[in-house]
């Protein structure tokens, strides 16, 4: 049985007050795509799909975000300078 909760605070309350972790709907869809409709054959199937590192971005994700932000800032600056 899966516990599904889309809100962050709902998932936190479930995690803090039970031995289970709730999944966001997107995580359930990811599980269905990887495992099939029957899902994983485990007592706590959500454990393979919960981020244990606090859910923050990885170093690679931060690098991509930073590079994209710098690129957009550079494009904006070029447009701003050419408009003068």
PDB file of N, CA and C in Angstrom:
ATOM      1  N   UNK A   1       0.843  -1.172   0.000  1.00  0.00           N
ATOM      2  CA  UNK A   1       0.000   0.000   0.000  1.00  0.00           C
ATOM      3  C   UNK A   1       0.897   1.249   0.000  1.00  0.00           C
ATOM      4  N   UNK A   2       0.556   2.195  -0.844  1.00  0.00           N
ATOM      5  CA  UNK A   2       1.293   3.452  -0.918  1.00  0.00           C
ATOM      6  C   UNK A   2       0.523   4.554  -0.214  1.00  0.00           C
ATOM      7  N   UNK A   3       1.263   5.483   0.340  1.00  0.00           N
ATOM      8  CA  UNK A   3       0.670   6.685   0.918  1.00  0.00           C
ATOM      9  C   UNK A   3       1.066   7.833   0.004  1.00  0.00           C
ATOM     10  N   UNK A   4       0.084   8.541  -0.515  1.00  0.00           N
ATOM     11  CA  UNK A   4       0.339   9.626  -1.460  1.00  0.00           C
ATOM     12  C   UNK A   4      -0.095  10.939  -0.826  1.00  0.00           C
ATOM     13  N   UNK A   5       0.809  11.913  -0.815  1.00  0.00           N
ATOM     14  CA  UNK A   5       0.505  13.261  -0.324  1.00  0.00           C
ATOM     15  C   UNK A   5       1.328  14.237  -1.144  1.00  0.00           C
ATOM     16  N   UNK A   6       0.678  15.172  -1.794  1.00  0.00           N
ATOM     17  CA  UNK A   6       1.392  16.103  -2.662  1.00  0.00           C
ATOM     18  C   UNK A   6       1.995  17.279  -1.904  1.00  0.00           C
ATOM     19  N   UNK A   7       1.465  17.610  -0.752  1.00  0.00           N
ATOM     20  CA  UNK A   7       1.970  18.750   0.002  1.00  0.00           C
ATOM     21  C   UNK A   7       3.188  18.392   0.840  1.00  0.00           C
ATOM     22  N   UNK A   8       4.161  19.304   0.887  1.00  0.00           N
ATOM     23  CA  UNK A   8       5.382  19.068   1.655  1.00  0.00           C
ATOM     24  C   UNK A   8       5.072  18.847   3.129  1.00  0.00           C
ATOM     25  N   UNK A   9       4.244  19.709   3.713  1.00  0.00           N
ATOM     26  CA  UNK A   9       3.985  19.588   5.151  1.00  0.00           C
ATOM     27  C   UNK A   9       3.222  18.303   5.464  1.00  0.00           C
ATOM     28  N   UNK A  10       2.348  17.881   4.574  1.00  0.00           N
ATOM     29  CA  UNK A  10       1.634  16.615   4.783  1.00  0.00           C
ATOM     30  C   UNK A  10       2.610  15.447   4.786  1.00  0.00           C
ATOM     31  N   UNK A  11       3.533  15.444   3.833  1.00  0.00           N
ATOM     32  CA  UNK A  11       4.527  14.364   3.785  1.00  0.00           C
ATOM     33  C   UNK A  11       5.409  14.385   5.027  1.00  0.00           C
ATOM     34  N   UNK A  12       5.781  15.576   5.494  1.00  0.00           N
ATOM     35  CA  UNK A  12       6.611  15.688   6.698  1.00  0.00           C
ATOM     36  C   UNK A  12       5.883  15.161   7.926  1.00  0.00           C
ATOM     37  N   UNK A  13       4.600  15.504   8.073  1.00  0.00           N
ATOM     38  CA  UNK A  13       3.832  15.027   9.226  1.00  0.00           C
ATOM     39  C   UNK A  13       3.710  13.515   9.220  1.00  0.00           C
ATOM     40  N   UNK A  14       3.489  12.939   8.051  1.00  0.00           N
ATOM     41  CA  UNK A  14       3.394  11.484   7.945  1.00  0.00           C
ATOM     42  C   UNK A  14       4.723  10.850   8.306  1.00  0.00           C
ATOM     43  N   UNK A  15       5.821  11.401   7.810  1.00  0.00           N
ATOM     44  CA  UNK A  15       7.149  10.852   8.092  1.00  0.00           C
ATOM     45  C   UNK A  15       7.505  10.975   9.569  1.00  0.00           C
ATOM     46  N   UNK A  16       7.100  12.071  10.209  1.00  0.00           N
ATOM     47  CA  UNK A  16       7.464  12.286  11.602  1.00  0.00           C
ATOM     48  C   UNK A  16       6.591  11.492  12.578  1.00  0.00           C
ATOM     49  N   UNK A  17       5.375  11.155  12.175  1.00  0.00           N
ATOM     50  CA  UNK A  17       4.447  10.509  13.101  1.00  0.00           C
ATOM     51  C   UNK A  17       4.172   9.041  12.798  1.00  0.00           C
ATOM     52  N   UNK A  18       4.766   8.525  11.750  1.00  0.00           N
ATOM     53  CA  UNK A  18       4.591   7.111  11.415  1.00  0.00           C
ATOM     54  C   UNK A  18       5.937   6.534  10.993  1.00  0.00           C
ATOM     55  N   UNK A  19       5.951   5.265  10.707  1.00  0.00           N
ATOM     56  CA  UNK A  19       7.167   4.634  10.195  1.00  0.00           C
ATOM     57  C   UNK A  19       7.182   4.632   8.672  1.00  0.00           C
ATOM     58  N   UNK A  20       6.262   5.327   8.067  1.00  0.00           N
ATOM     59  CA  UNK A  20       6.123   5.343   6.616  1.00  0.00           C
ATOM     60  C   UNK A  20       6.506   6.719   6.069  1.00  0.00           C
ATOM     61  N   UNK A  21       6.686   6.763   4.762  1.00  0.00           N
ATOM     62  CA  UNK A  21       6.940   8.012   4.053  1.00  0.00           C
ATOM     63  C   UNK A  21       5.931   8.112   2.926  1.00  0.00           C
ATOM     64  N   UNK A  22       5.335   9.266   2.786  1.00  0.00           N
ATOM     65  CA  UNK A  22       4.374   9.482   1.707  1.00  0.00           C
ATOM     66  C   UNK A  22       5.128   9.883   0.447  1.00  0.00           C
ATOM     67  N   UNK A  23       4.577   9.514  -0.681  1.00  0.00           N
ATOM     68  CA  UNK A  23       5.142   9.874  -1.968  1.00  0.00           C
ATOM     69  C   UNK A  23       4.305  10.962  -2.616  1.00  0.00           C
ATOM     70  N   UNK A  24       4.965  11.833  -3.341  1.00  0.00           N
ATOM     71  CA  UNK A  24       4.279  12.794  -4.193  1.00  0.00           C
ATOM     72  C   UNK A  24       3.727  12.024  -5.388  1.00  0.00           C
ATOM     73  N   UNK A  25       2.672  12.534  -5.996  1.00  0.00           N
ATOM     74  CA  UNK A  25       2.075  11.858  -7.143  1.00  0.00           C
ATOM     75  C   UNK A  25       3.092  11.622  -8.252  1.00  0.00           C
ATOM     76  N   UNK A  26       4.007  12.576  -8.445  1.00  0.00           N
ATOM     77  CA  UNK A  26       5.048  12.404  -9.471  1.00  0.00           C
ATOM     78  C   UNK A  26       5.938  11.214  -9.149  1.00  0.00           C
ATOM     79  N   UNK A  27       6.221  10.969  -7.876  1.00  0.00           N
ATOM     80  CA  UNK A  27       7.012   9.815  -7.478  1.00  0.00           C
ATOM     81  C   UNK A  27       6.283   8.508  -7.724  1.00  0.00           C
ATOM     82  N   UNK A  28       4.968   8.521  -7.534  1.00  0.00           N
ATOM     83  CA  UNK A  28       4.169   7.323  -7.800  1.00  0.00           C
ATOM     84  C   UNK A  28       4.173   7.022  -9.296  1.00  0.00           C
ATOM     85  N   UNK A  29       4.046   8.057 -10.114  1.00  0.00           N
ATOM     86  CA  UNK A  29       4.095   7.857 -11.567  1.00  0.00           C
ATOM     87  C   UNK A  29       5.466   7.334 -11.997  1.00  0.00           C
ATOM     88  N   UNK A  30       6.531   7.869 -11.394  1.00  0.00           N
ATOM     89  CA  UNK A  30       7.883   7.385 -11.690  1.00  0.00           C
ATOM     90  C   UNK A  30       8.010   5.913 -11.307  1.00  0.00           C
ATOM     91  N   UNK A  31       7.476   5.549 -10.165  1.00  0.00           N
ATOM     92  CA  UNK A  31       7.521   4.166  -9.720  1.00  0.00           C
ATOM     93  C   UNK A  31       6.771   3.262 -10.694  1.00  0.00           C
ATOM     94  N   UNK A  32       5.602   3.694 -11.151  1.00  0.00           N
ATOM     95  CA  UNK A  32       4.811   2.893 -12.085  1.00  0.00           C
ATOM     96  C   UNK A  32       5.554   2.702 -13.405  1.00  0.00           C
ATOM     97  N   UNK A  33       6.244   3.741 -13.862  1.00  0.00           N
ATOM     98  CA  UNK A  33       6.991   3.624 -15.107  1.00  0.00           C
ATOM     99  C   UNK A  33       8.162   2.646 -14.966  1.00  0.00           C
ATOM    100  N   UNK A  34       8.822   2.667 -13.834  1.00  0.00           N
ATOM    101  CA  UNK A  34       9.989   1.801 -13.626  1.00  0.00           C
ATOM    102  C   UNK A  34       9.619   0.374 -13.234  1.00  0.00           C
ATOM    103  N   UNK A  35       8.614   0.239 -12.387  1.00  0.00           N
ATOM    104  CA  UNK A  35       8.312  -1.069 -11.790  1.00  0.00           C
ATOM    105  C   UNK A  35       7.117  -1.767 -12.432  1.00  0.00           C
ATOM    106  N   UNK A  36       6.339  -1.055 -13.233  1.00  0.00           N
ATOM    107  CA  UNK A  36       5.099  -1.617 -13.757  1.00  0.00           C
ATOM    108  C   UNK A  36       3.955  -1.301 -12.812  1.00  0.00           C
ATOM    109  N   UNK A  37       2.759  -1.617 -13.228  1.00  0.00           N
ATOM    110  CA  UNK A  37       1.583  -1.267 -12.431  1.00  0.00           C
ATOM    111  C   UNK A  37       1.526  -1.994 -11.096  1.00  0.00           C
ATOM    112  N   UNK A  38       2.115  -3.179 -10.999  1.00  0.00           N
ATOM    113  CA  UNK A  38       2.100  -3.916  -9.734  1.00  0.00           C
ATOM    114  C   UNK A  38       3.009  -3.268  -8.700  1.00  0.00           C
ATOM    115  N   UNK A  39       4.000  -2.504  -9.144  1.00  0.00           N
ATOM    116  CA  UNK A  39       4.925  -1.846  -8.229  1.00  0.00           C
ATOM    117  C   UNK A  39       5.947  -2.806  -7.667  1.00  0.00           C
ATOM    118  N   UNK A  40       6.865  -2.310  -6.853  1.00  0.00           N
ATOM    119  CA  UNK A  40       7.893  -3.166  -6.264  1.00  0.00           C
ATOM    120  C   UNK A  40       7.275  -4.106  -5.230  1.00  0.00           C
ATOM    121  N   UNK A  41       7.857  -5.272  -5.082  1.00  0.00           N
ATOM    122  CA  UNK A  41       7.359  -6.274  -4.139  1.00  0.00           C
ATOM    123  C   UNK A  41       8.109  -6.129  -2.818  1.00  0.00           C
ATOM    124  N   UNK A  42       7.796  -5.063  -2.094  1.00  0.00           N
ATOM    125  CA  UNK A  42       8.464  -4.781  -0.823  1.00  0.00           C
ATOM    126  C   UNK A  42       7.430  -4.361   0.210  1.00  0.00           C
ATOM    127  N   UNK A  43       7.799  -4.477   1.479  1.00  0.00           N
ATOM    128  CA  UNK A  43       6.888  -4.063   2.554  1.00  0.00           C
ATOM    129  C   UNK A  43       6.692  -2.547   2.541  1.00  0.00           C
ATOM    130  N   UNK A  44       7.769  -1.810   2.299  1.00  0.00           N
ATOM    131  CA  UNK A  44       7.714  -0.353   2.219  1.00  0.00           C
ATOM    132  C   UNK A  44       8.219   0.070   0.836  1.00  0.00           C
ATOM    133  N   UNK A  45       7.380   0.022  -0.176  1.00  0.00           N
ATOM    134  CA  UNK A  45       7.838   0.280  -1.547  1.00  0.00           C
ATOM    135  C   UNK A  45       8.340   1.700  -1.776  1.00  0.00           C
ATOM    136  N   UNK A  46       7.931   2.627  -0.936  1.00  0.00           N
ATOM    137  CA  UNK A  46       8.348   4.021  -1.142  1.00  0.00           C
ATOM    138  C   UNK A  46       9.815   4.257  -0.810  1.00  0.00           C
ATOM    139  N   UNK A  47      10.442   3.371  -0.071  1.00  0.00           N
ATOM    140  CA  UNK A  47      11.815   3.607   0.390  1.00  0.00           C
ATOM    141  C   UNK A  47      12.813   3.768  -0.747  1.00  0.00           C
ATOM    142  N   UNK A  48      12.573   3.141  -1.870  1.00  0.00           N
ATOM    143  CA  UNK A  48      13.477   3.278  -3.007  1.00  0.00           C
ATOM    144  C   UNK A  48      13.267   4.562  -3.787  1.00  0.00           C
ATOM    145  N   UNK A  49      12.244   5.344  -3.407  1.00  0.00           N
ATOM    146  CA  UNK A  49      11.906   6.542  -4.168  1.00  0.00           C
ATOM    147  C   UNK A  49      11.883   7.813  -3.317  1.00  0.00           C
ATOM    148  N   UNK A  50      12.341   7.714  -2.095  1.00  0.00           N
ATOM    149  CA  UNK A  50      12.403   8.878  -1.212  1.00  0.00           C
ATOM    150  C   UNK A  50      13.840   9.361  -1.163  1.00  0.00           C
ATOM    151  N   UNK A  51      14.040  10.670  -1.340  1.00  0.00           N
ATOM    152  CA  UNK A  51      15.387  11.226  -1.231  1.00  0.00           C
ATOM    153  C   UNK A  51      15.754  11.354   0.239  1.00  0.00           C
ATOM    154  N   UNK A  52      16.860  10.778   0.606  1.00  0.00           N
ATOM    155  CA  UNK A  52      17.305  10.800   2.007  1.00  0.00           C
ATOM    156  C   UNK A  52      18.230  11.965   2.321  1.00  0.00           C
ATOM    157  N   UNK A  53      18.619  12.738   1.312  1.00  0.00           N
ATOM    158  CA  UNK A  53      19.566  13.823   1.552  1.00  0.00           C
ATOM    159  C   UNK A  53      18.868  15.152   1.795  1.00  0.00           C
ATOM    160  N   UNK A  54      17.639  15.117   2.259  1.00  0.00           N
ATOM    161  CA  UNK A  54      16.911  16.349   2.502  1.00  0.00           C
ATOM    162  C   UNK A  54      16.207  16.862   1.263  1.00  0.00           C
ATOM    163  N   UNK A  55      16.356  16.168   0.164  1.00  0.00           N
ATOM    164  CA  UNK A  55      15.651  16.554  -1.041  1.00  0.00           C
ATOM    165  C   UNK A  55      16.234  17.737  -1.775  1.00  0.00           C
ATOM    166  N   UNK A  56      17.391  18.205  -1.353  1.00  0.00           N
ATOM    167  CA  UNK A  56      17.996  19.356  -2.014  1.00  0.00           C
ATOM    168  C   UNK A  56      18.607  18.985  -3.348  1.00  0.00           C
ATOM    169  N   UNK A  57      18.964  19.970  -4.124  1.00  0.00           N
ATOM    170  CA  UNK A  57      19.550  19.699  -5.431  1.00  0.00           C
ATOM    171  C   UNK A  57      20.960  19.122  -5.310  1.00  0.00           C
ATOM    172  N   UNK A  58      21.338  18.334  -6.308  1.00  0.00           N
ATOM    173  CA  UNK A  58      22.687  17.775  -6.343  1.00  0.00           C
ATOM    174  C   UNK A  58      23.651  18.837  -6.862  1.00  0.00           C
ATOM    175  N   UNK A  59      24.930  18.551  -6.790  1.00  0.00           N
ATOM    176  CA  UNK A  59      25.935  19.480  -7.303  1.00  0.00           C
ATOM    177  C   UNK A  59      25.773  19.718  -8.795  1.00  0.00           C
ATOM    178  N   UNK A  60      25.454  18.659  -9.539  1.00  0.00           N
ATOM    179  CA  UNK A  60      25.256  18.802 -10.983  1.00  0.00           C
ATOM    180  C   UNK A  60      24.049  19.685 -11.282  1.00  0.00           C
ATOM    181  N   UNK A  61      22.972  19.507 -10.527  1.00  0.00           N
ATOM    182  CA  UNK A  61      21.780  20.330 -10.733  1.00  0.00           C
ATOM    183  C   UNK A  61      22.082  21.800 -10.429  1.00  0.00           C
ATOM    184  N   UNK A  62      22.841  22.041  -9.373  1.00  0.00           N
ATOM    185  CA  UNK A  62      23.215  23.422  -9.054  1.00  0.00           C
ATOM    186  C   UNK A  62      24.092  24.023 -10.143  1.00  0.00           C
ATOM    187  N   UNK A  63      25.002  23.219 -10.707  1.00  0.00           N
ATOM    188  CA  UNK A  63      25.863  23.696 -11.787  1.00  0.00           C
ATOM    189  C   UNK A  63      25.056  24.076 -13.017  1.00  0.00           C
ATOM    190  N   UNK A  64      24.100  23.241 -13.387  1.00  0.00           N
ATOM    191  CA  UNK A  64      23.258  23.541 -14.550  1.00  0.00           C
ATOM    192  C   UNK A  64      22.434  24.793 -14.291  1.00  0.00           C
ATOM    193  N   UNK A  65      21.879  24.918 -13.099  1.00  0.00           N
ATOM    194  CA  UNK A  65      21.087  26.100 -12.755  1.00  0.00           C
ATOM    195  C   UNK A  65      21.948  27.357 -12.814  1.00  0.00           C
ATOM    196  N   UNK A  66      23.153  27.285 -12.269  1.00  0.00           N
ATOM    197  CA  UNK A  66      24.046  28.440 -12.258  1.00  0.00           C
ATOM    198  C   UNK A  66      24.446  28.828 -13.675  1.00  0.00           C
ATOM    199  N   UNK A  67      24.807  27.842 -14.500  1.00  0.00           N
ATOM    200  CA  UNK A  67      25.190  28.129 -15.886  1.00  0.00           C
ATOM    201  C   UNK A  67      24.027  28.742 -16.652  1.00  0.00           C
ATOM    202  N   UNK A  68      22.835  28.207 -16.471  1.00  0.00           N
ATOM    203  CA  UNK A  68      21.654  28.759 -17.136  1.00  0.00           C
ATOM    204  C   UNK A  68      21.366  30.174 -16.686  1.00  0.00           C
ATOM    205  N   UNK A  69      21.508  30.427 -15.394  1.00  0.00           N
ATOM    206  CA  UNK A  69      21.268  31.774 -14.865  1.00  0.00           C
ATOM    207  C   UNK A  69      22.276  32.771 -15.431  1.00  0.00           C
ATOM    208  N   UNK A  70      23.545  32.369 -15.496  1.00  0.00           N
ATOM    209  CA  UNK A  70      24.571  33.257 -16.055  1.00  0.00           C
ATOM    210  C   UNK A  70      24.320  33.522 -17.540  1.00  0.00           C
ATOM    211  N   UNK A  71      23.907  32.499 -18.270  1.00  0.00           N
ATOM    212  CA  UNK A  71      23.598  32.669 -19.686  1.00  0.00           C
ATOM    213  C   UNK A  71      22.445  33.642 -19.880  1.00  0.00           C
ATOM    214  N   UNK A  72      21.385  33.472 -19.115  1.00  0.00           N
ATOM    215  CA  UNK A  72      20.243  34.386 -19.227  1.00  0.00           C
ATOM    216  C   UNK A  72      20.625  35.811 -18.831  1.00  0.00           C
ATOM    217  N   UNK A  73      21.416  35.949 -17.799  1.00  0.00           N
ATOM    218  CA  UNK A  73      21.857  37.286 -17.383  1.00  0.00           C
ATOM    219  C   UNK A  73      22.703  37.932 -18.480  1.00  0.00           C
ATOM    220  N   UNK A  74      23.584  37.146 -19.114  1.00  0.00           N
ATOM    221  CA  UNK A  74      24.402  37.680 -20.201  1.00  0.00           C
ATOM    222  C   UNK A  74      23.560  38.096 -21.397  1.00  0.00           C
ATOM    223  N   UNK A  75      22.573  37.296 -21.758  1.00  0.00           N
ATOM    224  CA  UNK A  75      21.681  37.649 -22.870  1.00  0.00           C
ATOM    225  C   UNK A  75      20.878  38.909 -22.557  1.00  0.00           C
ATOM    226  N   UNK A  76      20.392  39.003 -21.322  1.00  0.00           N
ATOM    227  CA  UNK A  76      19.647  40.192 -20.926  1.00  0.00           C
ATOM    228  C   UNK A  76      20.544  41.427 -20.998  1.00  0.00           C
ATOM    229  N   UNK A  77      21.778  41.295 -20.532  1.00  0.00           N
ATOM    230  CA  UNK A  77      22.709  42.424 -20.523  1.00  0.00           C
ATOM    231  C   UNK A  77      23.020  42.878 -21.951  1.00  0.00           C
ATOM    232  N   UNK A  78      23.216  41.926 -22.856  1.00  0.00           N
ATOM    233  CA  UNK A  78      23.466  42.293 -24.260  1.00  0.00           C
ATOM    234  C   UNK A  78      22.276  43.037 -24.842  1.00  0.00           C
ATOM    235  N   UNK A  79      21.094  42.559 -24.576  1.00  0.00           N
ATOM    236  CA  UNK A  79      19.897  43.224 -25.087  1.00  0.00           C
ATOM    237  C   UNK A  79      19.762  44.619 -24.471  1.00  0.00           C
ATOM    238  N   UNK A  80      20.043  44.727 -23.180  1.00  0.00           N
ATOM    239  CA  UNK A  80      19.951  46.002 -22.475  1.00  0.00           C
ATOM    240  C   UNK A  80      20.953  47.002 -23.072  1.00  0.00           C
ATOM    241  N   UNK A  81      22.189  46.556 -23.347  1.00  0.00           N
ATOM    242  CA  UNK A  81      23.218  47.459 -23.905  1.00  0.00           C
ATOM    243  C   UNK A  81      22.886  47.871 -25.332  1.00  0.00           C
ATOM    244  N   UNK A  82      22.342  46.955 -26.127  1.00  0.00           N
ATOM    245  CA  UNK A  82      22.045  47.300 -27.524  1.00  0.00           C
ATOM    246  C   UNK A  82      20.823  48.206 -27.618  1.00  0.00           C
ATOM    247  N   UNK A  83      19.991  48.252 -26.598  1.00  0.00           N
ATOM    248  CA  UNK A  83      18.805  49.108 -26.618  1.00  0.00           C
ATOM    249  C   UNK A  83      19.158  50.554 -26.332  1.00  0.00           C
ATOM    250  N   UNK A  84      20.325  50.820 -25.769  1.00  0.00           N
ATOM    251  CA  UNK A  84      20.722  52.194 -25.426  1.00  0.00           C
ATOM    252  C   UNK A  84      21.166  52.958 -26.611  1.00  0.00           C
TER     253      UNK A  84
END
